[in-house]
Amino acid sequence: MKKEAQKTEHPHIVRVEGVCGGRPIIRGTRLAVWHVADYYYKAGLNVEDILMNCENVTLAQLFDALAYYHDHKKEVDKDIWENSYESWKKQHGETETAPERTFVA
């Protein structure tokens, strides 16, 4: 059963229950706005480099994701923190082994 996308004020950004924890994603993908903001944008990649790493994302979708980030910076920064290694360490303590993280090259 396909889950219905909850629209946002940004045409390319939706929320889908059960996808990326219900956090904002780019419509038609499982790519969360926090992921774009953290792993690509804050890392200093330009738009062309981000698009090379996100083959199924259009230029309009990418700009909309970045606009969503700037319009909802506090919310997205909270998502970034909650998905960070530092947050994991705080929740689980330093004695546990951290889960593997997969990065898109």
C-alpha atoms as a PDB file:
ATOM      1  CA  MET A   1       0.000   0.000   0.000  1.00  0.00           C
ATOM      2  CA  LYS A   2       1.474   3.331  -1.099  1.00  0.00           C
ATOM      3  CA  LYS A   3       1.582   5.929   1.652  1.00  0.00           C
ATOM      4  CA  GLU A   4       0.196   9.354   0.867  1.00  0.00           C
ATOM      5  CA  ALA A   5       2.588  12.285   0.761  1.00  0.00           C
ATOM      6  CA  GLN A   6       1.800  15.220   3.008  1.00  0.00           C
ATOM      7  CA  LYS A   7       2.446  18.405   1.036  1.00  0.00           C
ATOM      8  CA  THR A   8       4.472  21.328   2.350  1.00  0.00           C
ATOM      9  CA  GLU A   9       4.531  24.924   1.160  1.00  0.00           C
ATOM     10  CA  HIS A  10       7.442  23.867  -1.075  1.00  0.00           C
ATOM     11  CA  PRO A  11       6.183  22.013  -4.187  1.00  0.00           C
ATOM     12  CA  HIS A  12       9.055  19.507  -4.325  1.00  0.00           C
ATOM     13  CA  ILE A  13       9.192  18.778  -0.589  1.00  0.00           C
ATOM     14  CA  VAL A  14       6.810  16.349   1.150  1.00  0.00           C
ATOM     15  CA  ARG A  15       6.526  14.244   4.277  1.00  0.00           C
ATOM     16  CA  VAL A  16       5.587  10.583   4.070  1.00  0.00           C
ATOM     17  CA  GLU A  17       4.773   8.604   7.189  1.00  0.00           C
ATOM     18  CA  GLY A  18       7.345   5.837   7.580  1.00  0.00           C
ATOM     19  CA  VAL A  19       9.859   7.363   5.151  1.00  0.00           C
ATOM     20  CA  CYS A  20      12.930   8.946   6.753  1.00  0.00           C
ATOM     21  CA  GLY A  21      11.094   9.156  10.045  1.00  0.00           C
ATOM     22  CA  GLY A  22       8.425  11.383   8.529  1.00  0.00           C
ATOM     23  CA  ARG A  23      10.984  14.124   8.024  1.00  0.00           C
ATOM     24  CA  PRO A  24      10.789  16.337   4.916  1.00  0.00           C
ATOM     25  CA  ILE A  25      12.041  14.607   1.767  1.00  0.00           C
ATOM     26  CA  ILE A  26      12.355  15.460  -1.899  1.00  0.00           C
ATOM     27  CA  ARG A  27       9.152  14.278  -3.623  1.00  0.00           C
ATOM     28  CA  GLY A  28       9.622  10.953  -5.427  1.00  0.00           C
ATOM     29  CA  THR A  29      12.788  10.085  -3.501  1.00  0.00           C
ATOM     30  CA  ARG A  30      13.858   8.936  -0.071  1.00  0.00           C
ATOM     31  CA  LEU A  31      16.343  11.818   0.124  1.00  0.00           C
ATOM     32  CA  ALA A  32      15.739  13.850   3.273  1.00  0.00           C
ATOM     33  CA  VAL A  33      16.206  17.612   3.284  1.00  0.00           C
ATOM     34  CA  TRP A  34      18.471  17.265   6.340  1.00  0.00           C
ATOM     35  CA  HIS A  35      20.717  14.923   4.366  1.00  0.00           C
ATOM     36  CA  VAL A  36      21.066  17.407   1.491  1.00  0.00           C
ATOM     37  CA  ALA A  37      21.720  20.257   3.929  1.00  0.00           C
ATOM     38  CA  ASP A  38      24.261  18.361   6.046  1.00  0.00           C
ATOM     39  CA  TYR A  39      26.190  16.020   3.775  1.00  0.00           C
ATOM     40  CA  TYR A  40      26.293  18.214   0.698  1.00  0.00           C
ATOM     41  CA  TYR A  41      25.424  21.874   1.306  1.00  0.00           C
ATOM     42  CA  LYS A  42      27.147  22.410   4.671  1.00  0.00           C
ATOM     43  CA  ALA A  43      30.088  20.349   3.410  1.00  0.00           C
ATOM     44  CA  GLY A  44      30.652  23.053   0.799  1.00  0.00           C
ATOM     45  CA  LEU A  45      29.562  21.288  -2.374  1.00  0.00           C
ATOM     46  CA  ASN A  46      28.194  23.494  -5.120  1.00  0.00           C
ATOM     47  CA  VAL A  47      24.872  22.774  -6.840  1.00  0.00           C
ATOM     48  CA  GLU A  48      26.489  20.946  -9.768  1.00  0.00           C
ATOM     49  CA  ASP A  49      28.434  18.654  -7.416  1.00  0.00           C
ATOM     50  CA  ILE A  50      25.332  17.911  -5.366  1.00  0.00           C
ATOM     51  CA  LEU A  51      23.409  17.007  -8.521  1.00  0.00           C
ATOM     52  CA  MET A  52      26.219  14.642  -9.572  1.00  0.00           C
ATOM     53  CA  ASN A  53      25.778  12.846  -6.224  1.00  0.00           C
ATOM     54  CA  CYS A  54      21.984  12.802  -6.438  1.00  0.00           C
ATOM     55  CA  GLU A  55      21.309  11.477  -9.928  1.00  0.00           C
ATOM     56  CA  ASN A  56      17.518  11.241  -9.556  1.00  0.00           C
ATOM     57  CA  VAL A  57      17.120  14.810  -8.317  1.00  0.00           C
ATOM     58  CA  THR A  58      16.378  17.735 -10.629  1.00  0.00           C
ATOM     59  CA  LEU A  59      17.795  21.219 -10.286  1.00  0.00           C
ATOM     60  CA  ALA A  60      14.352  22.532  -9.268  1.00  0.00           C
ATOM     61  CA  GLN A  61      14.032  19.842  -6.564  1.00  0.00           C
ATOM     62  CA  LEU A  62      17.491  20.639  -5.206  1.00  0.00           C
ATOM     63  CA  PHE A  63      16.866  24.380  -5.040  1.00  0.00           C
ATOM     64  CA  ASP A  64      13.526  23.694  -3.354  1.00  0.00           C
ATOM     65  CA  ALA A  65      15.228  21.473  -0.763  1.00  0.00           C
ATOM     66  CA  LEU A  66      17.767  24.219  -0.046  1.00  0.00           C
ATOM     67  CA  ALA A  67      14.981  26.818   0.139  1.00  0.00           C
ATOM     68  CA  TYR A  68      13.087  24.555   2.567  1.00  0.00           C
ATOM     69  CA  TYR A  69      16.241  24.276   4.669  1.00  0.00           C
ATOM     70  CA  HIS A  70      16.619  28.056   4.878  1.00  0.00           C
ATOM     71  CA  ASP A  71      12.894  28.558   5.563  1.00  0.00           C
ATOM     72  CA  HIS A  72      12.934  25.890   8.312  1.00  0.00           C
ATOM     73  CA  LYS A  73      16.533  26.059   9.502  1.00  0.00           C
ATOM     74  CA  LYS A  74      15.804  25.352  13.172  1.00  0.00           C
ATOM     75  CA  GLU A  75      13.724  22.249  12.322  1.00  0.00           C
ATOM     76  CA  VAL A  76      16.217  20.877   9.789  1.00  0.00           C
ATOM     77  CA  ASP A  77      19.222  21.584  12.017  1.00  0.00           C
ATOM     78  CA  LYS A  78      17.435  19.580  14.728  1.00  0.00           C
ATOM     79  CA  ASP A  79      17.019  16.716  12.230  1.00  0.00           C
ATOM     80  CA  ILE A  80      20.729  16.971  11.391  1.00  0.00           C
ATOM     81  CA  TRP A  81      21.634  16.767  15.079  1.00  0.00           C
ATOM     82  CA  GLU A  82      19.302  13.809  15.697  1.00  0.00           C
ATOM     83  CA  ASN A  83      20.975  11.918  12.829  1.00  0.00           C
ATOM     84  CA  SER A  84      24.538  12.764  13.856  1.00  0.00           C
ATOM     85  CA  TYR A  85      27.164  10.529  15.395  1.00  0.00           C
ATOM     86  CA  GLU A  86      27.444  12.993  18.281  1.00  0.00           C
ATOM     87  CA  SER A  87      23.747  12.548  19.057  1.00  0.00           C
ATOM     88  CA  TRP A  88      24.118   8.775  18.861  1.00  0.00           C
ATOM     89  CA  LYS A  89      27.046   8.893  21.314  1.00  0.00           C
ATOM     90  CA  LYS A  90      25.036  11.046  23.713  1.00  0.00           C
ATOM     91  CA  GLN A  91      22.077   8.628  23.591  1.00  0.00           C
ATOM     92  CA  HIS A  92      24.076   5.394  23.796  1.00  0.00           C
ATOM     93  CA  GLY A  93      27.260   6.327  25.606  1.00  0.00           C
ATOM     94  CA  GLU A  94      30.817   5.994  24.356  1.00  0.00           C
ATOM     95  CA  THR A  95      31.142   2.321  25.311  1.00  0.00           C
ATOM     96  CA  GLU A  96      28.881   0.998  22.547  1.00  0.00           C
ATOM     97  CA  THR A  97      30.047   0.495  18.984  1.00  0.00           C
ATOM     98  CA  ALA A  98      28.638   3.037  16.556  1.00  0.00           C
ATOM     99  CA  PRO A  99      26.565   1.763  13.640  1.00  0.00           C
ATOM    100  CA  GLU A 100      28.134   1.891  10.183  1.00  0.00           C
ATOM    101  CA  ARG A 101      27.201   4.949   8.116  1.00  0.00           C
ATOM    102  CA  THR A 102      27.060   4.732   4.360  1.00  0.00           C
ATOM    103  CA  PHE A 103      28.133   7.792   2.417  1.00  0.00           C
ATOM    104  CA  VAL A 104      27.313   8.538  -1.191  1.00  0.00           C
ATOM    105  CA  ALA A 105      30.470   9.293  -3.106  1.00  0.00           C
END
